[in-house]
Amino acid sequence: MAHRELWEAVLLDRLGLSGRRRPGGLPVSGLIKLRDLSNNIWNADKLFILTPDAASAHRLVAIIDAEDWGDEKPQVFEGDDVDQALGGSEEGQAVVTVWWD
């Protein structure tokens, strides 16, 4: 919250694999969270941070590195990657991802 001006939304999630076991089937490992919800566990390990622009994303990466949030180097995604992942995005938005455990 100390850097609220740098982000618009945050999601902690675990994405399933894009491949399927068979045509029309469920995504491989895509329902791990569903499996664990009855035990009140949100089985997720990747933090996704939506930023208003690439400059904010890179400032967040510097903070993440300085504060040592995790073992994985944060990544910044921009342009078509963000637009496709969000199903449409505002001009210039970027996404920062970092493994969270």
PDB file of N, CA and C in Angstrom:
ATOM      1  N   MET A   1       0.825  -1.203   0.000  1.00  0.00           N
ATOM      2  CA  MET A   1       0.000   0.000   0.000  1.00  0.00           C
ATOM      3  C   MET A   1       0.868   1.265   0.000  1.00  0.00           C
ATOM      4  N   ALA A   2       2.133   1.111   0.403  1.00  0.00           N
ATOM      5  CA  ALA A   2       3.018   2.275   0.418  1.00  0.00           C
ATOM      6  C   ALA A   2       3.271   2.814  -0.991  1.00  0.00           C
ATOM      7  N   HIS A   3       3.012   2.014  -2.004  1.00  0.00           N
ATOM      8  CA  HIS A   3       3.282   2.408  -3.393  1.00  0.00           C
ATOM      9  C   HIS A   3       2.010   2.290  -4.238  1.00  0.00           C
ATOM     10  N   ARG A   4       0.891   2.645  -3.664  1.00  0.00           N
ATOM     11  CA  ARG A   4      -0.416   2.471  -4.307  1.00  0.00           C
ATOM     12  C   ARG A   4      -0.513   3.193  -5.647  1.00  0.00           C
ATOM     13  N   GLU A   5       0.212   4.274  -5.811  1.00  0.00           N
ATOM     14  CA  GLU A   5       0.141   5.031  -7.057  1.00  0.00           C
ATOM     15  C   GLU A   5       0.749   4.267  -8.239  1.00  0.00           C
ATOM     16  N   LEU A   6       1.483   3.190  -7.960  1.00  0.00           N
ATOM     17  CA  LEU A   6       2.158   2.434  -9.018  1.00  0.00           C
ATOM     18  C   LEU A   6       1.327   1.284  -9.576  1.00  0.00           C
ATOM     19  N   TRP A   7       0.213   0.943  -8.935  1.00  0.00           N
ATOM     20  CA  TRP A   7      -0.566  -0.199  -9.407  1.00  0.00           C
ATOM     21  C   TRP A   7      -2.059   0.086  -9.389  1.00  0.00           C
ATOM     22  N   GLU A   8      -2.775  -0.655 -10.233  1.00  0.00           N
ATOM     23  CA  GLU A   8      -4.231  -0.511 -10.342  1.00  0.00           C
ATOM     24  C   GLU A   8      -4.975  -1.698  -9.739  1.00  0.00           C
ATOM     25  N   ALA A   9      -4.389  -2.889  -9.844  1.00  0.00           N
ATOM     26  CA  ALA A   9      -5.029  -4.092  -9.311  1.00  0.00           C
ATOM     27  C   ALA A   9      -3.957  -5.155  -9.082  1.00  0.00           C
ATOM     28  N   VAL A  10      -4.243  -6.067  -8.149  1.00  0.00           N
ATOM     29  CA  VAL A  10      -3.314  -7.141  -7.813  1.00  0.00           C
ATOM     30  C   VAL A  10      -4.105  -8.440  -7.695  1.00  0.00           C
ATOM     31  N   LEU A  11      -3.518  -9.529  -8.198  1.00  0.00           N
ATOM     32  CA  LEU A  11      -4.151 -10.838  -8.133  1.00  0.00           C
ATOM     33  C   LEU A  11      -3.104 -11.874  -7.760  1.00  0.00           C
ATOM     34  N   LEU A  12      -3.396 -12.673  -6.747  1.00  0.00           N
ATOM     35  CA  LEU A  12      -2.556 -13.817  -6.402  1.00  0.00           C
ATOM     36  C   LEU A  12      -3.251 -15.045  -6.954  1.00  0.00           C
ATOM     37  N   ASP A  13      -2.579 -15.767  -7.856  1.00  0.00           N
ATOM     38  CA  ASP A  13      -3.246 -16.864  -8.545  1.00  0.00           C
ATOM     39  C   ASP A  13      -2.237 -17.928  -8.942  1.00  0.00           C
ATOM     40  N   ARG A  14      -2.742 -19.015  -9.439  1.00  0.00           N
ATOM     41  CA  ARG A  14      -1.941 -20.065 -10.071  1.00  0.00           C
ATOM     42  C   ARG A  14      -2.664 -20.407 -11.360  1.00  0.00           C
ATOM     43  N   LEU A  15      -1.964 -20.239 -12.469  1.00  0.00           N
ATOM     44  CA  LEU A  15      -2.578 -20.506 -13.762  1.00  0.00           C
ATOM     45  C   LEU A  15      -2.403 -21.964 -14.139  1.00  0.00           C
ATOM     46  N   GLY A  16      -3.421 -22.536 -14.755  1.00  0.00           N
ATOM     47  CA  GLY A  16      -3.306 -23.891 -15.274  1.00  0.00           C
ATOM     48  C   GLY A  16      -2.480 -23.898 -16.548  1.00  0.00           C
ATOM     49  N   LEU A  17      -2.045 -25.056 -16.941  1.00  0.00           N
ATOM     50  CA  LEU A  17      -1.302 -25.184 -18.192  1.00  0.00           C
ATOM     51  C   LEU A  17      -2.253 -24.981 -19.356  1.00  0.00           C
ATOM     52  N   SER A  18      -1.749 -24.426 -20.442  1.00  0.00           N
ATOM     53  CA  SER A  18      -2.617 -24.114 -21.565  1.00  0.00           C
ATOM     54  C   SER A  18      -3.020 -25.360 -22.356  1.00  0.00           C
ATOM     55  N   GLY A  19      -2.239 -26.422 -22.261  1.00  0.00           N
ATOM     56  CA  GLY A  19      -2.598 -27.649 -22.975  1.00  0.00           C
ATOM     57  C   GLY A  19      -3.733 -28.389 -22.281  1.00  0.00           C
ATOM     58  N   ARG A  20      -4.396 -29.249 -23.010  1.00  0.00           N
ATOM     59  CA  ARG A  20      -5.503 -30.026 -22.440  1.00  0.00           C
ATOM     60  C   ARG A  20      -5.184 -31.509 -22.573  1.00  0.00           C
ATOM     61  N   ARG A  21      -5.793 -32.300 -21.729  1.00  0.00           N
ATOM     62  CA  ARG A  21      -5.576 -33.750 -21.793  1.00  0.00           C
ATOM     63  C   ARG A  21      -6.211 -34.349 -23.041  1.00  0.00           C
ATOM     64  N   ARG A  22      -7.367 -33.827 -23.406  1.00  0.00           N
ATOM     65  CA  ARG A  22      -8.059 -34.273 -24.610  1.00  0.00           C
ATOM     66  C   ARG A  22      -8.918 -33.121 -25.113  1.00  0.00           C
ATOM     67  N   PRO A  23      -9.292 -33.116 -26.369  1.00  0.00           N
ATOM     68  CA  PRO A  23     -10.118 -32.017 -26.879  1.00  0.00           C
ATOM     69  C   PRO A  23     -11.385 -31.853 -26.038  1.00  0.00           C
ATOM     70  N   GLY A  24     -11.649 -30.620 -25.632  1.00  0.00           N
ATOM     71  CA  GLY A  24     -12.840 -30.337 -24.844  1.00  0.00           C
ATOM     72  C   GLY A  24     -12.685 -30.657 -23.371  1.00  0.00           C
ATOM     73  N   GLY A  25     -11.520 -31.163 -22.958  1.00  0.00           N
ATOM     74  CA  GLY A  25     -11.300 -31.537 -21.564  1.00  0.00           C
ATOM     75  C   GLY A  25     -10.940 -30.347 -20.702  1.00  0.00           C
ATOM     76  N   LEU A  26     -10.719 -30.628 -19.450  1.00  0.00           N
ATOM     77  CA  LEU A  26     -10.334 -29.589 -18.501  1.00  0.00           C
ATOM     78  C   LEU A  26      -8.849 -29.255 -18.637  1.00  0.00           C
ATOM     79  N   PRO A  27      -8.450 -28.027 -18.315  1.00  0.00           N
ATOM     80  CA  PRO A  27      -7.033 -27.655 -18.424  1.00  0.00           C
ATOM     81  C   PRO A  27      -6.190 -28.414 -17.401  1.00  0.00           C
ATOM     82  N   VAL A  28      -5.033 -28.869 -17.826  1.00  0.00           N
ATOM     83  CA  VAL A  28      -4.122 -29.607 -16.958  1.00  0.00           C
ATOM     84  C   VAL A  28      -3.721 -28.718 -15.783  1.00  0.00           C
ATOM     85  N   SER A  29      -3.904 -29.188 -14.586  1.00  0.00           N
ATOM     86  CA  SER A  29      -3.594 -28.476 -13.335  1.00  0.00           C
ATOM     87  C   SER A  29      -4.353 -27.166 -13.196  1.00  0.00           C
ATOM     88  N   GLY A  30      -5.377 -26.971 -13.989  1.00  0.00           N
ATOM     89  CA  GLY A  30      -6.121 -25.716 -13.963  1.00  0.00           C
ATOM     90  C   GLY A  30      -7.095 -25.580 -12.817  1.00  0.00           C
ATOM     91  N   LEU A  31      -7.361 -26.671 -12.112  1.00  0.00           N
ATOM     92  CA  LEU A  31      -8.349 -26.618 -11.035  1.00  0.00           C
ATOM     93  C   LEU A  31      -7.756 -26.943  -9.668  1.00  0.00           C
ATOM     94  N   ILE A  32      -6.458 -26.757  -9.510  1.00  0.00           N
ATOM     95  CA  ILE A  32      -5.816 -27.019  -8.218  1.00  0.00           C
ATOM     96  C   ILE A  32      -6.467 -26.189  -7.120  1.00  0.00           C
ATOM     97  N   LYS A  33      -6.787 -24.942  -7.407  1.00  0.00           N
ATOM     98  CA  LYS A  33      -7.421 -24.096  -6.392  1.00  0.00           C
ATOM     99  C   LYS A  33      -8.777 -24.663  -5.991  1.00  0.00           C
ATOM    100  N   LEU A  34      -9.549 -25.135  -6.948  1.00  0.00           N
ATOM    101  CA  LEU A  34     -10.852 -25.724  -6.653  1.00  0.00           C
ATOM    102  C   LEU A  34     -10.700 -26.939  -5.743  1.00  0.00           C
ATOM    103  N   ARG A  35      -9.702 -27.754  -6.020  1.00  0.00           N
ATOM    104  CA  ARG A  35      -9.435 -28.941  -5.214  1.00  0.00           C
ATOM    105  C   ARG A  35      -9.225 -28.587  -3.744  1.00  0.00           C
ATOM    106  N   ASP A  36      -8.524 -27.469  -3.496  1.00  0.00           N
ATOM    107  CA  ASP A  36      -8.104 -27.131  -2.136  1.00  0.00           C
ATOM    108  C   ASP A  36      -9.039 -26.184  -1.399  1.00  0.00           C
ATOM    109  N   LEU A  37     -10.033 -25.625  -2.071  1.00  0.00           N
ATOM    110  CA  LEU A  37     -10.913 -24.646  -1.426  1.00  0.00           C
ATOM    111  C   LEU A  37     -11.688 -25.218  -0.239  1.00  0.00           C
ATOM    112  N   SER A  38     -12.076 -26.478  -0.289  1.00  0.00           N
ATOM    113  CA  SER A  38     -12.836 -27.047   0.836  1.00  0.00           C
ATOM    114  C   SER A  38     -12.009 -27.099   2.115  1.00  0.00           C
ATOM    115  N   ASN A  39     -10.685 -27.011   1.985  1.00  0.00           N
ATOM    116  CA  ASN A  39      -9.789 -26.941   3.149  1.00  0.00           C
ATOM    117  C   ASN A  39      -9.389 -25.497   3.454  1.00  0.00           C
ATOM    118  N   ASN A  40     -10.119 -24.546   2.851  1.00  0.00           N
ATOM    119  CA  ASN A  40      -9.873 -23.119   3.044  1.00  0.00           C
ATOM    120  C   ASN A  40      -8.452 -22.719   2.631  1.00  0.00           C
ATOM    121  N   ILE A  41      -7.977 -23.316   1.539  1.00  0.00           N
ATOM    122  CA  ILE A  41      -6.647 -23.026   1.007  1.00  0.00           C
ATOM    123  C   ILE A  41      -6.808 -22.433  -0.384  1.00  0.00           C
ATOM    124  N   TRP A  42      -6.187 -21.289  -0.603  1.00  0.00           N
ATOM    125  CA  TRP A  42      -6.118 -20.680  -1.937  1.00  0.00           C
ATOM    126  C   TRP A  42      -4.740 -21.015  -2.469  1.00  0.00           C
ATOM    127  N   ASN A  43      -4.636 -22.105  -3.209  1.00  0.00           N
ATOM    128  CA  ASN A  43      -3.361 -22.656  -3.669  1.00  0.00           C
ATOM    129  C   ASN A  43      -2.864 -21.851  -4.861  1.00  0.00           C
ATOM    130  N   ALA A  44      -2.156 -20.786  -4.562  1.00  0.00           N
ATOM    131  CA  ALA A  44      -1.662 -19.887  -5.598  1.00  0.00           C
ATOM    132  C   ALA A  44      -0.246 -19.457  -5.258  1.00  0.00           C
ATOM    133  N   ASP A  45       0.545 -19.162  -6.288  1.00  0.00           N
ATOM    134  CA  ASP A  45       1.939 -18.831  -6.037  1.00  0.00           C
ATOM    135  C   ASP A  45       2.517 -17.771  -6.976  1.00  0.00           C
ATOM    136  N   LYS A  46       1.665 -17.104  -7.720  1.00  0.00           N
ATOM    137  CA  LYS A  46       2.159 -16.074  -8.641  1.00  0.00           C
ATOM    138  C   LYS A  46       1.365 -14.790  -8.397  1.00  0.00           C
ATOM    139  N   LEU A  47       2.092 -13.701  -8.167  1.00  0.00           N
ATOM    140  CA  LEU A  47       1.483 -12.399  -7.965  1.00  0.00           C
ATOM    141  C   LEU A  47       1.481 -11.657  -9.295  1.00  0.00           C
ATOM    142  N   PHE A  48       0.308 -11.194  -9.708  1.00  0.00           N
ATOM    143  CA  PHE A  48       0.129 -10.422 -10.934  1.00  0.00           C
ATOM    144  C   PHE A  48      -0.267  -9.009 -10.533  1.00  0.00           C
ATOM    145  N   ILE A  49       0.484  -8.019 -10.999  1.00  0.00           N
ATOM    146  CA  ILE A  49       0.234  -6.630 -10.629  1.00  0.00           C
ATOM    147  C   ILE A  49      -0.018  -5.828 -11.904  1.00  0.00           C
ATOM    148  N   LEU A  50      -1.210  -5.263 -12.011  1.00  0.00           N
ATOM    149  CA  LEU A  50      -1.565  -4.419 -13.154  1.00  0.00           C
ATOM    150  C   LEU A  50      -1.139  -2.988 -12.848  1.00  0.00           C
ATOM    151  N   THR A  51      -0.361  -2.422 -13.739  1.00  0.00           N
ATOM    152  CA  THR A  51       0.131  -1.060 -13.550  1.00  0.00           C
ATOM    153  C   THR A  51      -0.415  -0.155 -14.650  1.00  0.00           C
ATOM    154  N   PRO A  52      -0.492   1.147 -14.381  1.00  0.00           N
ATOM    155  CA  PRO A  52      -1.039   2.053 -15.401  1.00  0.00           C
ATOM    156  C   PRO A  52      -0.125   2.242 -16.607  1.00  0.00           C
ATOM    157  N   ASP A  53       1.182   1.975 -16.425  1.00  0.00           N
ATOM    158  CA  ASP A  53       2.125   2.176 -17.520  1.00  0.00           C
ATOM    159  C   ASP A  53       3.417   1.413 -17.230  1.00  0.00           C
ATOM    160  N   ALA A  54       4.258   1.321 -18.241  1.00  0.00           N
ATOM    161  CA  ALA A  54       5.510   0.570 -18.120  1.00  0.00           C
ATOM    162  C   ALA A  54       6.464   1.206 -17.109  1.00  0.00           C
ATOM    163  N   ALA A  55       6.480   2.532 -17.026  1.00  0.00           N
ATOM    164  CA  ALA A  55       7.363   3.188 -16.064  1.00  0.00           C
ATOM    165  C   ALA A  55       7.017   2.769 -14.636  1.00  0.00           C
ATOM    166  N   SER A  56       5.731   2.707 -14.323  1.00  0.00           N
ATOM    167  CA  SER A  56       5.296   2.258 -12.992  1.00  0.00           C
ATOM    168  C   SER A  56       5.690   0.806 -12.766  1.00  0.00           C
ATOM    169  N   ALA A  57       5.552  -0.013 -13.804  1.00  0.00           N
ATOM    170  CA  ALA A  57       5.922  -1.430 -13.690  1.00  0.00           C
ATOM    171  C   ALA A  57       7.407  -1.566 -13.359  1.00  0.00           C
ATOM    172  N   HIS A  58       8.238  -0.819 -14.030  1.00  0.00           N
ATOM    173  CA  HIS A  58       9.691  -0.912 -13.785  1.00  0.00           C
ATOM    174  C   HIS A  58      10.064  -0.339 -12.415  1.00  0.00           C
ATOM    175  N   ARG A  59       9.353   0.672 -11.954  1.00  0.00           N
ATOM    176  CA  ARG A  59       9.582   1.175 -10.593  1.00  0.00           C
ATOM    177  C   ARG A  59       9.212   0.107  -9.566  1.00  0.00           C
ATOM    178  N   LEU A  60       8.102  -0.614  -9.811  1.00  0.00           N
ATOM    179  CA  LEU A  60       7.707  -1.708  -8.908  1.00  0.00           C
ATOM    180  C   LEU A  60       8.745  -2.823  -8.895  1.00  0.00           C
ATOM    181  N   VAL A  61       9.283  -3.155 -10.055  1.00  0.00           N
ATOM    182  CA  VAL A  61      10.320  -4.191 -10.121  1.00  0.00           C
ATOM    183  C   VAL A  61      11.516  -3.796  -9.262  1.00  0.00           C
ATOM    184  N   ALA A  62      11.903  -2.535  -9.304  1.00  0.00           N
ATOM    185  CA  ALA A  62      13.023  -2.070  -8.479  1.00  0.00           C
ATOM    186  C   ALA A  62      12.704  -2.227  -6.991  1.00  0.00           C
ATOM    187  N   ILE A  63      11.475  -1.939  -6.606  1.00  0.00           N
ATOM    188  CA  ILE A  63      11.051  -2.106  -5.204  1.00  0.00           C
ATOM    189  C   ILE A  63      11.046  -3.580  -4.821  1.00  0.00           C
ATOM    190  N   ILE A  64      10.501  -4.414  -5.687  1.00  0.00           N
ATOM    191  CA  ILE A  64      10.444  -5.853  -5.426  1.00  0.00           C
ATOM    192  C   ILE A  64      11.853  -6.409  -5.241  1.00  0.00           C
ATOM    193  N   ASP A  65      12.772  -6.012  -6.113  1.00  0.00           N
ATOM    194  CA  ASP A  65      14.159  -6.461  -6.002  1.00  0.00           C
ATOM    195  C   ASP A  65      14.802  -5.964  -4.700  1.00  0.00           C
ATOM    196  N   ALA A  66      14.598  -4.692  -4.389  1.00  0.00           N
ATOM    197  CA  ALA A  66      15.208  -4.109  -3.191  1.00  0.00           C
ATOM    198  C   ALA A  66      14.671  -4.750  -1.912  1.00  0.00           C
ATOM    199  N   GLU A  67      13.378  -5.105  -1.924  1.00  0.00           N
ATOM    200  CA  GLU A  67      12.755  -5.683  -0.732  1.00  0.00           C
ATOM    201  C   GLU A  67      12.810  -7.209  -0.735  1.00  0.00           C
ATOM    202  N   ASP A  68      13.360  -7.796  -1.795  1.00  0.00           N
ATOM    203  CA  ASP A  68      13.543  -9.251  -1.895  1.00  0.00           C
ATOM    204  C   ASP A  68      12.252 -10.018  -1.625  1.00  0.00           C
ATOM    205  N   TRP A  69      11.251  -9.790  -2.496  1.00  0.00           N
ATOM    206  CA  TRP A  69       9.943 -10.415  -2.315  1.00  0.00           C
ATOM    207  C   TRP A  69       9.931 -11.907  -2.576  1.00  0.00           C
ATOM    208  N   GLY A  70      10.855 -12.428  -3.337  1.00  0.00           N
ATOM    209  CA  GLY A  70      10.814 -13.850  -3.654  1.00  0.00           C
ATOM    210  C   GLY A  70      12.063 -14.289  -4.381  1.00  0.00           C
ATOM    211  N   ASP A  71      12.092 -15.572  -4.686  1.00  0.00           N
ATOM    212  CA  ASP A  71      13.266 -16.148  -5.335  1.00  0.00           C
ATOM    213  C   ASP A  71      13.283 -15.941  -6.838  1.00  0.00           C
ATOM    214  N   GLU A  72      12.180 -15.545  -7.414  1.00  0.00           N
ATOM    215  CA  GLU A  72      12.093 -15.381  -8.861  1.00  0.00           C
ATOM    216  C   GLU A  72      12.271 -13.917  -9.242  1.00  0.00           C
ATOM    217  N   LYS A  73      12.993 -13.678 -10.315  1.00  0.00           N
ATOM    218  CA  LYS A  73      13.141 -12.321 -10.840  1.00  0.00           C
ATOM    219  C   LYS A  73      11.789 -11.865 -11.385  1.00  0.00           C
ATOM    220  N   PRO A  74      11.303 -10.693 -10.952  1.00  0.00           N
ATOM    221  CA  PRO A  74      10.030 -10.193 -11.487  1.00  0.00           C
ATOM    222  C   PRO A  74      10.126  -9.954 -12.992  1.00  0.00           C
ATOM    223  N   GLN A  75       9.001 -10.113 -13.669  1.00  0.00           N
ATOM    224  CA  GLN A  75       8.946  -9.876 -15.108  1.00  0.00           C
ATOM    225  C   GLN A  75       7.943  -8.773 -15.403  1.00  0.00           C
ATOM    226  N   VAL A  76       8.202  -8.012 -16.441  1.00  0.00           N
ATOM    227  CA  VAL A  76       7.288  -6.975 -16.901  1.00  0.00           C
ATOM    228  C   VAL A  76       6.768  -7.367 -18.276  1.00  0.00           C
ATOM    229  N   PHE A  77       5.456  -7.294 -18.437  1.00  0.00           N
ATOM    230  CA  PHE A  77       4.818  -7.576 -19.723  1.00  0.00           C
ATOM    231  C   PHE A  77       4.103  -6.313 -20.182  1.00  0.00           C
ATOM    232  N   GLU A  78       4.196  -6.036 -21.471  1.00  0.00           N
ATOM    233  CA  GLU A  78       3.611  -4.822 -22.040  1.00  0.00           C
ATOM    234  C   GLU A  78       2.928  -5.145 -23.368  1.00  0.00           C
ATOM    235  N   GLY A  79       2.239  -4.168 -23.889  1.00  0.00           N
ATOM    236  CA  GLY A  79       1.687  -4.233 -25.245  1.00  0.00           C
ATOM    237  C   GLY A  79       0.695  -5.351 -25.480  1.00  0.00           C
ATOM    238  N   ASP A  80       0.894  -6.068 -26.601  1.00  0.00           N
ATOM    239  CA  ASP A  80      -0.033  -7.121 -27.006  1.00  0.00           C
ATOM    240  C   ASP A  80      -0.144  -8.233 -25.966  1.00  0.00           C
ATOM    241  N   ASP A  81       0.947  -8.545 -25.268  1.00  0.00           N
ATOM    242  CA  ASP A  81       0.891  -9.580 -24.218  1.00  0.00           C
ATOM    243  C   ASP A  81      -0.157  -9.216 -23.172  1.00  0.00           C
ATOM    244  N   VAL A  82      -0.148  -7.973 -22.736  1.00  0.00           N
ATOM    245  CA  VAL A  82      -1.093  -7.513 -21.716  1.00  0.00           C
ATOM    246  C   VAL A  82      -2.498  -7.463 -22.288  1.00  0.00           C
ATOM    247  N   ASP A  83      -2.632  -6.923 -23.473  1.00  0.00           N
ATOM    248  CA  ASP A  83      -3.944  -6.809 -24.109  1.00  0.00           C
ATOM    249  C   ASP A  83      -4.599  -8.179 -24.269  1.00  0.00           C
ATOM    250  N   GLN A  84      -3.842  -9.173 -24.711  1.00  0.00           N
ATOM    251  CA  GLN A  84      -4.391 -10.514 -24.888  1.00  0.00           C
ATOM    252  C   GLN A  84      -4.704 -11.181 -23.555  1.00  0.00           C
ATOM    253  N   ALA A  85      -3.831 -11.019 -22.568  1.00  0.00           N
ATOM    254  CA  ALA A  85      -4.041 -11.655 -21.261  1.00  0.00           C
ATOM    255  C   ALA A  85      -5.266 -11.087 -20.547  1.00  0.00           C
ATOM    256  N   LEU A  86      -5.514  -9.789 -20.733  1.00  0.00           N
ATOM    257  CA  LEU A  86      -6.643  -9.141 -20.056  1.00  0.00           C
ATOM    258  C   LEU A  86      -7.924  -9.174 -20.890  1.00  0.00           C
ATOM    259  N   GLY A  87      -7.827  -9.633 -22.117  1.00  0.00           N
ATOM    260  CA  GLY A  87      -8.997  -9.590 -22.986  1.00  0.00           C
ATOM    261  C   GLY A  87      -9.337  -8.163 -23.383  1.00  0.00           C
ATOM    262  N   GLY A  88      -8.326  -7.326 -23.434  1.00  0.00           N
ATOM    263  CA  GLY A  88      -8.469  -5.906 -23.737  1.00  0.00           C
ATOM    264  C   GLY A  88      -7.888  -5.106 -22.587  1.00  0.00           C
ATOM    265  N   SER A  89      -7.131  -4.077 -22.913  1.00  0.00           N
ATOM    266  CA  SER A  89      -6.501  -3.278 -21.866  1.00  0.00           C
ATOM    267  C   SER A  89      -6.530  -1.813 -22.236  1.00  0.00           C
ATOM    268  N   GLU A  90      -6.272  -0.978 -21.250  1.00  0.00           N
ATOM    269  CA  GLU A  90      -6.145   0.458 -21.483  1.00  0.00           C
ATOM    270  C   GLU A  90      -4.783   0.723 -22.118  1.00  0.00           C
ATOM    271  N   GLU A  91      -4.686   1.760 -22.883  1.00  0.00           N
ATOM    272  CA  GLU A  91      -3.436   2.132 -23.547  1.00  0.00           C
ATOM    273  C   GLU A  91      -2.295   2.246 -22.543  1.00  0.00           C
ATOM    274  N   GLY A  92      -1.204   1.511 -22.797  1.00  0.00           N
ATOM    275  CA  GLY A  92       0.007   1.634 -22.006  1.00  0.00           C
ATOM    276  C   GLY A  92       0.096   0.776 -20.756  1.00  0.00           C
ATOM    277  N   GLN A  93      -0.988   0.114 -20.352  1.00  0.00           N
ATOM    278  CA  GLN A  93      -0.932  -0.699 -19.139  1.00  0.00           C
ATOM    279  C   GLN A  93       0.142  -1.773 -19.256  1.00  0.00           C
ATOM    280  N   ALA A  94       0.693  -2.161 -18.107  1.00  0.00           N
ATOM    281  CA  ALA A  94       1.694  -3.217 -18.052  1.00  0.00           C
ATOM    282  C   ALA A  94       1.354  -4.138 -16.887  1.00  0.00           C
ATOM    283  N   VAL A  95       1.917  -5.338 -16.914  1.00  0.00           N
ATOM    284  CA  VAL A  95       1.715  -6.309 -15.842  1.00  0.00           C
ATOM    285  C   VAL A  95       3.080  -6.756 -15.335  1.00  0.00           C
ATOM    286  N   VAL A  96       3.227  -6.768 -14.017  1.00  0.00           N
ATOM    287  CA  VAL A  96       4.417  -7.303 -13.363  1.00  0.00           C
ATOM    288  C   VAL A  96       4.022  -8.635 -12.751  1.00  0.00           C
ATOM    289  N   THR A  97       4.853  -9.655 -12.940  1.00  0.00           N
ATOM    290  CA  THR A  97       4.610 -10.940 -12.291  1.00  0.00           C
ATOM    291  C   THR A  97       5.815 -11.298 -11.424  1.00  0.00           C
ATOM    292  N   VAL A  98       5.523 -11.949 -10.304  1.00  0.00           N
ATOM    293  CA  VAL A  98       6.595 -12.430  -9.427  1.00  0.00           C
ATOM    294  C   VAL A  98       6.075 -13.635  -8.664  1.00  0.00           C
ATOM    295  N   TRP A  99       6.913 -14.638  -8.514  1.00  0.00           N
ATOM    296  CA  TRP A  99       6.563 -15.823  -7.743  1.00  0.00           C
ATOM    297  C   TRP A  99       6.429 -15.425  -6.289  1.00  0.00           C
ATOM    298  N   TRP A 100       5.397 -15.911  -5.639  1.00  0.00           N
ATOM    299  CA  TRP A 100       5.091 -15.553  -4.260  1.00  0.00           C
ATOM    300  C   TRP A 100       4.858 -16.831  -3.473  1.00  0.00           C
ATOM    301  N   ASP A 101       5.585 -17.012  -2.384  1.00  0.00           N
ATOM    302  CA  ASP A 101       5.399 -18.231  -1.587  1.00  0.00           C
ATOM    303  C   ASP A 101       5.323 -17.903  -0.124  1.00  0.00           C
TER     304      ASP A 101
END
